[in-house]
């Protein structure tokens, strides 16, 4: 269940910029 969290974290980081 780490791949899902990694994908969500990367998506959140992309929303900041």
N, C-alpha and C. Protein backbone atom coordinates (compact mmCIF):
# COMPACT_ATOMS: atom_id res chain seq x y z
N UNK A 1 0.87 -1.22 0.00
CA UNK A 1 0.00 0.00 0.00
C UNK A 1 0.88 1.25 0.00
N UNK A 2 2.10 1.09 -0.44
CA UNK A 2 2.98 2.28 -0.45
C UNK A 2 2.91 2.95 -1.83
N UNK A 3 2.62 2.17 -2.83
CA UNK A 3 2.56 2.76 -4.19
C UNK A 3 1.40 3.76 -4.26
N UNK A 4 0.31 3.45 -3.63
CA UNK A 4 -0.86 4.36 -3.68
C UNK A 4 -0.53 5.67 -2.97
N UNK A 5 0.10 5.56 -1.80
CA UNK A 5 0.44 6.79 -1.05
C UNK A 5 1.47 7.60 -1.84
N UNK A 6 2.40 6.94 -2.46
CA UNK A 6 3.42 7.65 -3.25
C UNK A 6 2.76 8.42 -4.40
N UNK A 7 1.80 7.79 -5.03
CA UNK A 7 1.12 8.44 -6.17
C UNK A 7 0.31 9.64 -5.66
N UNK A 8 -0.32 9.50 -4.53
CA UNK A 8 -1.13 10.63 -4.01
C UNK A 8 -0.21 11.76 -3.56
N UNK A 9 0.92 11.41 -2.99
CA UNK A 9 1.86 12.45 -2.52
C UNK A 9 2.41 13.21 -3.74
N UNK A 10 2.75 12.49 -4.77
CA UNK A 10 3.29 13.16 -5.98
C UNK A 10 2.20 14.04 -6.60
N UNK A 11 0.98 13.58 -6.57
CA UNK A 11 -0.12 14.37 -7.16
C UNK A 11 -0.29 15.67 -6.36
N UNK A 12 -0.18 15.57 -5.06
CA UNK A 12 -0.37 16.76 -4.20
C UNK A 12 0.78 17.75 -4.47
N UNK A 13 1.96 17.21 -4.64
CA UNK A 13 3.11 18.09 -4.89
C UNK A 13 2.95 18.81 -6.24
N UNK A 14 2.31 18.16 -7.15
CA UNK A 14 2.14 18.76 -8.49
C UNK A 14 1.05 19.84 -8.42
N UNK A 15 0.19 19.75 -7.47
CA UNK A 15 -0.89 20.75 -7.38
C UNK A 15 -0.38 22.04 -6.74
N UNK A 16 0.67 21.92 -5.93
CA UNK A 16 1.21 23.13 -5.26
C UNK A 16 1.75 24.13 -6.30
N UNK A 17 2.63 23.69 -7.16
CA UNK A 17 3.20 24.58 -8.19
C UNK A 17 2.21 24.81 -9.32
